[in-house]
Protein backbone atom coordinates (compact mmCIF):
# COMPACT_ATOMS: atom_id res chain seq x y z
CA MET A 1 0.00 0.00 0.00
CA VAL A 2 1.25 3.50 -0.77
CA ALA A 3 2.45 5.75 2.03
CA GLY A 4 -0.48 8.12 1.77
CA VAL A 5 -2.94 5.30 2.29
CA ILE A 6 -1.12 4.00 5.35
CA ALA A 7 -1.06 7.43 6.92
CA LEU A 8 -4.75 7.93 6.32
CA ALA A 9 -5.76 4.51 7.61
CA ALA A 10 -3.85 4.76 10.87
CA PRO A 11 -6.38 6.86 12.85
CA LEU A 12 -9.12 4.33 12.04
CA MET A 13 -7.48 1.28 13.61
CA ALA A 14 -9.48 1.58 16.79
CA ILE A 15 -12.86 1.05 15.09
CA PRO A 16 -14.21 -2.31 16.35
CA ALA A 17 -14.78 -5.07 13.80
CA ALA A 18 -18.47 -5.24 14.69
CA HIS A 19 -18.90 -1.62 13.62
CA ALA A 20 -17.26 -2.42 10.30
CA GLY A 21 -19.90 -5.03 9.53
CA GLY A 22 -17.45 -7.85 10.19
CA GLY A 23 -19.99 -10.65 10.03
CA GLY A 24 -19.46 -13.48 12.45
CA GLY A 25 -16.56 -11.84 14.26
CA THR A 26 -13.64 -14.25 14.49
CA THR A 27 -13.45 -17.76 13.14
CA THR A 28 -14.79 -20.31 15.61
CA ARG A 29 -12.13 -22.23 17.50
CA THR A 30 -14.05 -23.54 20.47
CA GLY A 31 -11.59 -24.78 23.07
CA GLY A 32 -10.97 -28.40 23.86
CA THR A 33 -13.65 -30.66 22.47
CA LYS A 34 -15.65 -29.12 19.63
CA PRO A 35 -13.99 -29.50 16.22
CA TRP A 36 -13.30 -26.49 14.04
CA LYS A 37 -15.80 -25.27 11.44
CA PRO A 38 -15.89 -22.14 9.30
CA THR A 39 -18.03 -19.44 10.87
CA THR A 40 -21.04 -19.03 8.63
CA GLY A 41 -22.75 -15.85 7.52
CA GLY A 42 -21.44 -12.63 6.04
CA TRP A 43 -17.83 -11.48 6.15
CA PHE A 44 -16.66 -7.99 5.13
CA ASN A 45 -13.26 -6.33 5.01
CA ASP A 46 -12.36 -2.67 5.50
CA PRO A 47 -9.45 -1.51 3.33
CA TRP A 48 -9.20 1.70 5.37
CA GLY A 49 -8.78 -0.17 8.65
CA ASP A 50 -6.00 -2.05 10.41
CA SER A 51 -4.53 -5.33 9.18
CA ALA A 52 -7.17 -7.45 10.93
CA SER A 53 -9.93 -5.46 9.19
CA GLN A 54 -8.29 -5.56 5.79
CA PHE A 55 -7.64 -9.32 5.77
CA ARG A 56 -10.89 -10.40 7.46
CA ILE A 57 -12.23 -12.18 4.35
CA GLU A 58 -8.93 -13.70 3.26
CA ARG A 59 -8.44 -15.12 6.74
CA GLN A 60 -11.67 -17.15 6.50
CA ILE A 61 -10.59 -18.72 3.21
CA ALA A 62 -7.09 -19.38 4.55
CA ASP A 63 -8.45 -21.13 7.65
CA ALA A 64 -10.68 -23.36 5.51
CA ILE A 65 -7.68 -24.33 3.37
CA ARG A 66 -5.63 -25.16 6.48
CA HIS A 67 -8.40 -27.39 7.87
CA ALA A 68 -9.25 -29.16 4.60
CA ARG A 69 -9.32 -32.93 5.18
CA LYS A 70 -6.92 -35.32 3.45
CA GLY A 71 -8.61 -36.87 0.41
CA SER A 72 -11.16 -34.05 0.11
CA PHE A 73 -11.38 -31.48 -2.68
CA ILE A 74 -10.83 -27.74 -2.70
CA ARG A 75 -12.22 -26.09 -5.84
CA ILE A 76 -11.65 -22.38 -6.55
CA ALA A 77 -12.71 -20.24 -9.51
CA VAL A 78 -11.59 -16.60 -9.40
CA TYR A 79 -10.92 -13.74 -11.75
CA SER A 80 -7.65 -12.59 -10.14
CA PHE A 81 -5.09 -14.38 -7.95
CA ASP A 82 -1.81 -12.79 -6.84
CA ARG A 83 -1.59 -13.77 -3.15
CA VAL A 84 1.61 -15.82 -2.75
CA ASN A 85 0.68 -16.75 0.85
CA MET A 86 -2.60 -18.29 -0.37
CA ALA A 87 -0.78 -20.18 -3.12
CA LYS A 88 1.56 -21.61 -0.48
CA LEU A 89 -1.39 -22.72 1.65
CA LEU A 90 -2.96 -24.50 -1.32
CA ILE A 91 0.36 -26.17 -2.18
CA ASN A 92 0.76 -27.30 1.44
CA ALA A 93 -2.79 -28.71 1.36
CA HIS A 94 -1.94 -30.61 -1.83
CA HIS A 95 1.19 -32.06 -0.20
CA ARG A 96 -0.80 -33.40 2.73
CA GLY A 97 -3.24 -35.19 0.44
CA VAL A 98 -5.95 -32.63 -0.31
CA HIS A 99 -7.03 -32.44 -3.96
CA VAL A 100 -6.73 -28.82 -5.13
CA GLN A 101 -8.30 -27.48 -8.34
CA VAL A 102 -8.01 -23.80 -9.28
CA LEU A 103 -9.40 -21.87 -12.25
CA HIS A 104 -8.30 -18.35 -13.25
CA ASN A 105 -9.06 -15.78 -15.88
CA ASP A 106 -6.31 -15.07 -18.44
CA HIS A 107 -5.80 -11.31 -17.92
CA GLN A 108 -2.73 -11.82 -15.72
CA TYR A 109 0.01 -14.36 -14.98
CA THR A 110 1.21 -13.73 -11.44
CA THR A 111 3.90 -15.32 -9.29
CA ALA A 112 1.16 -17.00 -7.23
CA MET A 113 -0.35 -18.54 -10.39
CA LYS A 114 3.08 -19.73 -11.57
CA MET A 115 3.65 -21.41 -8.20
CA LEU A 116 0.35 -23.29 -8.42
CA LYS A 117 0.90 -24.39 -12.01
CA HIS A 118 4.40 -25.61 -11.19
CA ASP A 119 3.32 -27.63 -8.15
CA LEU A 120 -0.18 -28.81 -9.12
CA GLY A 121 0.32 -29.12 -12.86
CA THR A 122 -2.24 -28.06 -15.44
CA ASN A 123 -3.75 -31.44 -16.42
CA ARG A 124 -7.46 -31.16 -15.67
CA GLY A 125 -7.76 -34.94 -15.92
CA LYS A 126 -5.91 -35.34 -12.63
CA LYS A 127 -7.20 -34.73 -9.10
CA SER A 128 -5.11 -31.59 -8.56
CA TRP A 129 -4.39 -28.88 -11.10
CA ASP A 130 -4.28 -25.16 -11.83
CA TYR A 131 -5.70 -23.93 -15.12
CA THR A 132 -6.17 -20.58 -16.85
CA CYS A 133 -9.18 -20.34 -19.15
CA LYS A 134 -8.86 -18.78 -22.59
CA THR A 135 -10.92 -15.63 -22.01
CA GLY A 136 -14.13 -16.91 -20.36
CA CYS A 137 -14.41 -20.54 -19.27
CA ARG A 138 -17.98 -21.40 -20.31
CA SER A 139 -18.96 -18.16 -22.06
CA GLU A 140 -18.62 -17.14 -25.69
CA GLN A 141 -17.03 -13.83 -24.76
CA GLY A 142 -16.26 -11.87 -21.62
CA VAL A 143 -14.14 -13.24 -18.80
CA LEU A 144 -14.13 -15.74 -15.94
CA HIS A 145 -15.39 -13.34 -13.28
CA ASP A 146 -16.80 -15.75 -10.68
CA LYS A 147 -15.42 -15.78 -7.12
CA ILE A 148 -16.28 -19.29 -5.90
CA TYR A 149 -14.59 -21.27 -3.11
CA LEU A 150 -15.84 -24.84 -2.55
CA PHE A 151 -14.62 -27.14 0.22
CA GLU A 152 -15.79 -30.74 0.17
CA GLN A 153 -14.74 -31.13 3.82
CA THR A 154 -12.91 -28.67 6.05
CA GLY A 155 -12.71 -29.30 9.76
CA ALA A 156 -16.04 -30.79 10.85
CA ALA A 157 -18.01 -29.12 8.02
CA ARG A 158 -18.90 -30.68 4.70
CA ASP A 159 -20.25 -29.14 1.50
CA VAL A 160 -18.93 -25.67 2.33
CA VAL A 161 -19.67 -22.80 -0.07
CA MET A 162 -17.98 -19.41 -0.01
CA THR A 163 -18.79 -16.76 -2.61
CA GLY A 164 -19.17 -13.02 -3.02
CA SER A 165 -17.08 -10.25 -4.56
CA ALA A 166 -13.60 -11.15 -3.27
CA ASN A 167 -10.69 -12.28 -5.43
CA LEU A 168 -7.44 -13.52 -3.91
CA THR A 169 -5.45 -10.33 -4.45
CA GLY A 170 -3.71 -7.62 -2.51
CA ASN A 171 -6.18 -5.14 -3.97
CA ALA A 172 -9.06 -7.16 -2.53
CA THR A 173 -7.71 -6.59 0.97
CA GLN A 174 -6.06 -3.18 0.99
CA HIS A 175 -7.88 -1.19 -1.69
CA GLN A 176 -11.38 -2.64 -2.00
CA PHE A 177 -14.43 -3.28 0.12
CA ASN A 178 -15.53 -6.87 -0.50
CA ASP A 179 -18.07 -9.32 0.89
CA LEU A 180 -18.12 -13.10 1.33
CA LEU A 181 -20.99 -15.43 2.19
CA ILE A 182 -20.02 -18.65 3.99
CA LYS A 183 -22.39 -21.59 4.30
CA ASN A 184 -21.59 -25.01 5.80
CA ASP A 185 -23.40 -28.28 5.19
CA VAL A 186 -25.47 -27.05 2.24
CA PRO A 187 -25.38 -30.04 -0.15
CA ARG A 188 -27.93 -28.67 -2.65
CA LEU A 189 -26.09 -25.37 -3.05
CA TYR A 190 -22.70 -27.11 -3.03
CA ASP A 191 -23.81 -29.54 -5.74
CA ARG A 192 -25.19 -26.70 -7.84
CA LEU A 193 -21.91 -24.77 -7.72
CA PHE A 194 -19.88 -27.96 -8.15
CA SER A 195 -21.86 -28.58 -11.34
CA LEU A 196 -21.05 -25.03 -12.44
CA PHE A 197 -17.36 -25.64 -11.66
CA ARG A 198 -17.38 -28.77 -13.82
CA GLU A 199 -18.75 -26.69 -16.70
CA LEU A 200 -16.16 -23.96 -16.15
CA LYS A 201 -13.21 -26.36 -16.15
CA LYS A 202 -14.09 -27.63 -19.64
CA ASP A 203 -13.11 -24.21 -21.03
CA ARG A 204 -15.66 -24.36 -23.82
CA THR A 205 -19.00 -22.74 -24.55
CA ALA A 206 -21.75 -24.16 -22.36
CA LYS A 207 -25.21 -25.13 -23.54
CA PRO A 208 -27.32 -23.52 -22.27
CA LEU A 209 -25.29 -20.41 -21.51
CA TYR A 210 -27.77 -19.04 -18.96
CA GLU A 211 -28.93 -21.11 -15.99
CA HIS A 212 -31.39 -20.13 -13.27
CA ASP A 213 -32.08 -22.47 -10.34
CA ASP A 214 -34.35 -22.02 -7.32
CA LEU A 215 -33.00 -24.13 -4.45
CA GLY A 216 -35.40 -22.96 -1.75
CA ALA A 217 -33.30 -21.01 0.73
CA PHE A 218 -30.91 -20.24 -2.14
CA GLU A 219 -31.28 -19.21 -5.76
CA THR A 220 -28.63 -18.91 -8.46
CA TRP A 221 -28.38 -16.96 -11.69
CA VAL A 222 -25.48 -18.15 -13.86
CA MET A 223 -24.41 -15.91 -16.71
CA PRO A 224 -23.87 -15.30 -19.62
CA HIS A 225 -27.40 -14.05 -20.19
CA PRO A 226 -27.83 -13.74 -23.99
CA HIS A 227 -30.28 -11.40 -25.73
CA THR A 228 -30.88 -9.35 -22.59
CA THR A 229 -33.64 -6.75 -22.55
CA GLU A 230 -34.99 -4.59 -19.76
CA ALA A 231 -37.89 -7.06 -19.44
CA ASN A 232 -35.82 -10.23 -19.07
CA ASP A 233 -32.75 -8.85 -17.26
CA PRO A 234 -32.15 -11.02 -14.16
CA VAL A 235 -31.76 -7.99 -11.87
CA MET A 236 -34.97 -6.44 -13.18
CA GLN A 237 -36.73 -9.75 -12.60
CA ILE A 238 -35.37 -9.75 -9.05
CA LEU A 239 -36.64 -6.21 -8.44
CA ARG A 240 -40.01 -6.57 -10.17
CA PRO A 241 -41.89 -8.36 -7.29
CA VAL A 242 -40.96 -5.66 -4.73
CA GLN A 243 -43.98 -4.04 -3.04
CA CYS A 244 -43.11 -0.89 -1.11
CA GLN A 245 -45.77 -0.97 1.62
CA GLY A 246 -46.88 -3.63 4.08
CA ALA A 247 -43.59 -5.00 5.45
CA THR A 248 -44.26 -7.09 8.57
CA ASP A 249 -42.59 -9.17 11.29
CA GLY A 250 -39.69 -6.81 11.91
CA THR A 251 -38.67 -6.47 8.26
CA GLY A 252 -38.39 -3.23 6.35
CA THR A 253 -38.54 0.23 7.93
CA ALA A 254 -41.80 1.18 9.66
CA GLY A 255 -43.81 -0.89 7.20
CA ARG A 256 -41.81 0.19 4.14
CA THR A 257 -39.77 -2.36 2.22
CA LYS A 258 -36.06 -1.67 2.69
CA ILE A 259 -33.58 -1.96 -0.21
CA ARG A 260 -29.83 -1.43 -0.08
CA VAL A 261 -27.42 -1.60 -3.03
CA SER A 262 -23.61 -1.55 -2.88
CA MET A 263 -22.30 -1.78 -6.42
CA HIS A 264 -18.78 -1.53 -7.78
CA ALA A 265 -19.61 -0.55 -11.39
CA TRP A 266 -23.01 0.75 -12.47
CA ASN A 267 -23.31 2.27 -15.92
CA GLY A 268 -24.50 2.05 -19.50
CA ALA A 269 -28.03 1.44 -20.74
CA ARG A 270 -28.42 -1.49 -18.35
CA GLY A 271 -27.27 0.51 -15.36
CA THR A 272 -29.71 3.25 -16.32
CA TYR A 273 -32.84 1.10 -16.40
CA ILE A 274 -31.88 -0.57 -13.11
CA ALA A 275 -31.44 2.91 -11.63
CA ARG A 276 -34.85 3.93 -12.98
CA ARG A 277 -36.50 0.92 -11.33
CA LEU A 278 -34.89 1.73 -7.97
CA ARG A 279 -35.88 5.40 -8.26
CA ASN A 280 -39.45 4.38 -9.03
CA LEU A 281 -39.49 2.05 -6.00
CA TYR A 282 -38.29 4.95 -3.85
CA ALA A 283 -41.08 7.11 -5.28
CA GLN A 284 -43.58 4.36 -4.36
CA GLY A 285 -42.46 4.50 -0.74
CA CYS A 286 -39.64 1.98 -0.45
CA ASP A 287 -36.71 2.79 1.84
CA VAL A 288 -33.94 2.83 -0.78
CA LYS A 289 -30.28 3.77 -0.41
CA VAL A 290 -27.53 3.10 -2.95
CA LEU A 291 -23.72 3.15 -2.97
CA TRP A 292 -21.38 2.86 -5.92
CA ALA A 293 -17.70 3.16 -6.79
CA LEU A 294 -18.02 3.91 -10.51
CA GLY A 295 -21.32 5.30 -11.78
CA GLY A 296 -22.13 6.26 -15.36
CA ALA A 297 -23.29 9.79 -16.13
CA GLU A 298 -26.76 8.79 -17.37
CA MET A 299 -27.28 6.34 -14.51
CA LYS A 300 -26.43 9.09 -12.01
CA ARG A 301 -28.73 11.53 -13.76
CA VAL A 302 -31.65 9.09 -13.73
CA ILE A 303 -31.33 7.91 -10.16
CA GLY A 304 -30.86 11.51 -9.02
CA MET A 305 -34.10 12.79 -10.59
CA GLN A 306 -36.67 14.29 -8.27
CA THR A 307 -39.65 12.23 -7.10
CA PRO A 308 -42.61 13.36 -4.96
CA ARG A 309 -40.57 12.08 -1.96
CA GLY A 310 -37.40 13.88 -3.00
CA THR A 311 -34.34 12.10 -4.40
CA VAL A 312 -32.94 8.64 -3.70
CA PRO A 313 -30.25 8.84 -1.00
CA ARG A 314 -26.99 7.97 -2.78
CA HIS A 315 -23.31 7.94 -1.92
CA THR A 316 -20.07 7.11 -3.70
CA ASP A 317 -17.18 5.34 -1.98
CA SER A 318 -14.32 5.83 -4.48
CA TYR A 319 -11.37 7.98 -3.37
CA ASN A 320 -7.93 9.09 -4.41
CA THR A 321 -6.03 8.94 -1.14
CA ASP A 322 -2.43 9.46 -2.26
CA CYS A 323 -3.07 12.66 -4.28
CA ASP A 324 -1.31 11.32 -7.35
CA GLU A 325 -1.20 13.80 -10.21
CA LEU A 326 -3.71 11.89 -12.35
CA GLN A 327 -6.24 11.71 -9.48
CA GLU A 328 -6.56 7.93 -9.91
CA VAL A 329 -8.95 6.09 -7.60
CA ASP A 330 -7.09 3.85 -5.15
CA MET A 331 -9.74 3.07 -2.50
CA TYR A 332 -13.22 1.90 -3.48
CA SER A 333 -15.92 -0.73 -3.18
CA HIS A 334 -15.69 -3.91 -5.24
CA GLN A 335 -18.97 -5.27 -3.84
CA LYS A 336 -21.92 -6.27 -6.00
CA TYR A 337 -24.76 -6.81 -3.51
CA LEU A 338 -28.43 -6.03 -3.01
CA THR A 339 -30.58 -6.60 0.08
CA ILE A 340 -34.38 -6.71 0.23
CA SER A 341 -36.26 -6.69 3.51
CA GLY A 342 -40.05 -6.47 3.55
CA HIS A 343 -42.92 -7.03 1.12
CA TYR A 344 -41.80 -9.13 -1.83
CA GLY A 345 -44.37 -10.82 -4.04
CA GLY A 346 -46.82 -12.56 -1.75
CA ASN A 347 -44.46 -12.52 1.25
CA THR A 348 -44.71 -9.48 3.54
CA SER A 349 -41.66 -10.48 5.62
CA THR A 350 -38.99 -11.36 3.05
CA SER A 351 -35.34 -11.21 4.09
CA ASP A 352 -33.01 -11.81 1.12
CA ILE A 353 -29.46 -10.90 0.19
CA PHE A 354 -28.17 -11.08 -3.39
CA THR A 355 -24.41 -11.27 -3.79
CA GLY A 356 -21.84 -12.53 -6.26
CA SER A 357 -19.68 -11.24 -9.09
CA SER A 358 -22.06 -9.41 -11.44
CA ASN A 359 -21.96 -5.61 -11.78
CA TYR A 360 -24.88 -3.49 -13.02
CA THR A 361 -23.18 -3.15 -16.41
CA HIS A 362 -23.32 -4.84 -19.80
CA SER A 363 -20.18 -6.81 -18.92
CA GLY A 364 -22.01 -8.16 -15.87
CA LEU A 365 -24.12 -10.23 -18.27
CA VAL A 366 -21.75 -11.52 -20.96
CA GLY A 367 -19.05 -13.41 -19.06
CA ASP A 368 -18.88 -16.13 -16.42
CA GLU A 369 -20.82 -14.40 -13.65
CA LEU A 370 -22.86 -15.54 -10.66
CA ILE A 371 -25.67 -13.96 -8.64
CA LEU A 372 -26.65 -15.87 -5.50
CA ARG A 373 -29.73 -15.25 -3.36
CA ALA A 374 -29.60 -16.37 0.26
CA THR A 375 -32.53 -16.05 2.65
CA GLY A 376 -32.30 -15.10 6.32
CA SER A 377 -32.99 -12.09 8.52
CA HIS A 378 -29.57 -12.54 10.17
CA LEU A 379 -27.91 -12.28 6.74
CA VAL A 380 -29.83 -9.12 5.86
CA THR A 381 -28.79 -7.66 9.22
CA GLN A 382 -25.12 -8.43 8.51
CA TRP A 383 -25.13 -7.01 4.98
CA ASN A 384 -27.09 -3.93 6.01
CA ARG A 385 -24.73 -3.35 8.94
CA ASN A 386 -21.85 -3.38 6.46
CA PHE A 387 -23.75 -0.99 4.19
CA ASP A 388 -24.40 1.40 7.08
CA PHE A 389 -20.74 1.32 8.10
CA ILE A 390 -19.57 2.28 4.61
CA TRP A 391 -22.37 4.85 4.30
CA ASP A 392 -21.55 6.51 7.64
CA HIS A 393 -17.76 6.26 7.64
CA ARG A 394 -16.32 5.47 4.20
CA SER A 395 -18.37 7.36 1.60
CA ARG A 396 -19.61 10.79 0.59
CA PRO A 397 -22.99 12.09 -0.62
CA VAL A 398 -23.61 12.52 -4.34
CA GLY A 399 -25.41 15.52 -5.81
CA GLY A 400 -26.69 16.97 -2.56
CA SER A 401 -27.99 13.62 -1.33
CA PRO A 402 -28.55 13.69 2.43
CA GLY A 403 -26.45 11.71 4.86
CA PRO A 404 -23.16 11.74 6.73
CA SER A 405 -19.83 11.69 4.93
CA PHE A 406 -16.38 10.27 5.56
CA ASP A 407 -15.02 10.71 9.06
CA PRO A 408 -12.15 11.50 9.22
CA PRO A 409 -12.12 13.04 5.73
CA PRO A 410 -9.62 11.89 3.11
CA PRO A 411 -6.97 14.41 2.06
CA VAL A 412 -8.02 17.32 -0.12
CA CYS A 413 -5.93 16.91 -3.25
CA PRO A 414 -4.86 19.99 -5.22
CA THR A 415 -6.68 20.78 -8.46
CA THR A 416 -4.68 19.82 -11.53
CA PRO A 417 -5.44 19.84 -15.27
CA ALA A 418 -5.79 16.06 -15.05
CA LYS A 419 -8.35 16.45 -12.29
CA ARG A 420 -10.35 19.04 -14.21
CA SER A 421 -10.56 16.67 -17.19
CA ALA A 422 -11.44 13.60 -15.17
CA GLY A 423 -15.17 14.31 -14.87
CA ALA A 424 -17.64 15.76 -12.40
CA GLU A 425 -16.15 13.94 -9.43
CA GLY A 426 -12.60 14.85 -10.43
CA LEU A 427 -11.44 11.23 -10.33
CA ALA A 428 -9.83 8.94 -12.88
CA TYR A 429 -10.98 5.32 -12.74
CA SER A 430 -7.63 3.89 -13.67
CA GLY A 431 -4.22 3.19 -12.20
CA ARG A 432 -2.45 0.31 -10.49
CA PHE A 433 -5.06 -0.07 -7.72
CA TRP A 434 -8.23 0.35 -9.76
CA GLU A 435 -9.92 -2.76 -11.11
CA GLY A 436 -12.87 -2.06 -13.37
CA ASP A 437 -14.10 -5.66 -13.32
């Protein structure tokens, strides 16, 4: 991390993990008799915080690798992988008899990837291997953008699924907000994602490309989604059943359905019609708040339009903290989540989170992407707590939107010609720390 970021993060080290939306706290290691299991629920890092806050997600994955049982399988599919320490853990697991299979996208070839290929080999016919797909794995175009971690058995837990927005990179810990859902002993969900993994490892176009499966407490949307329109867009179909009034049983806000969105990239024609739907839901009475790192001009115009209730509360969480001359963003959210609490279809007490790899962009539809719905009021509480933490402490209002801003504030960088040409927010979405994926 650059010196300016370290200096800025230092005053925030005292913020407790619970206030950062840290999910289950620390990984369960109950003393003496009870065997280890991953702590389930939502996990969230804070790139502005201390080391424990930054590496909170990575630590859960690392612990699961360490506890993987001999003869079991670890299967990982990620867009980016540059963490040498995680490569070493996977190699150690392989040496003690765990079968390790890792898929990557082909946009980089890091030291960590070289280590895995050297030790595991690249033959997908064997029990252990590391393989880089040629562009997307099962898509016709786009990239492998999934972030899936499957553990057949780790500690006392079987059929363990971990997924969300987090890659295994330094950026994912020190420059991005990310989220990770962990579920133990979920054979139906595990089998569904294992089936997806088998398709991905073939590295050829899947038939069908798009797959949608309702598994009860879980639901999956597997992209690519060809021939997308506003009517059949998976996110629009998710939002369509929302009813803004009549939330019951402790859901919503004073009877209003509550919606929260934290999105890394949100732009283009697709981003605009999703923004319009959320603005309309706000106008109908829903409690809507949205966060983004990179927002398109038309999307921001549409979601910022006046309604009879005013404008949708909206913040951005992208910052240039080191005051580089080009004003390049180096701290930002990489999350792609939505929460719905309240009246949804015929259910007046819905509690759902939607997480995964897919941005509200055209590219969020054309590559290997996953959206996962998980049901549970405790999950909504965890994701909304994370949203509130970023909203209150790590973001700033957009266009006069009400709400608190960053405390303490990031540095005020001097105005430069590069800044004046970078757009309304004076930021360039580029540079060594920015990932537009």
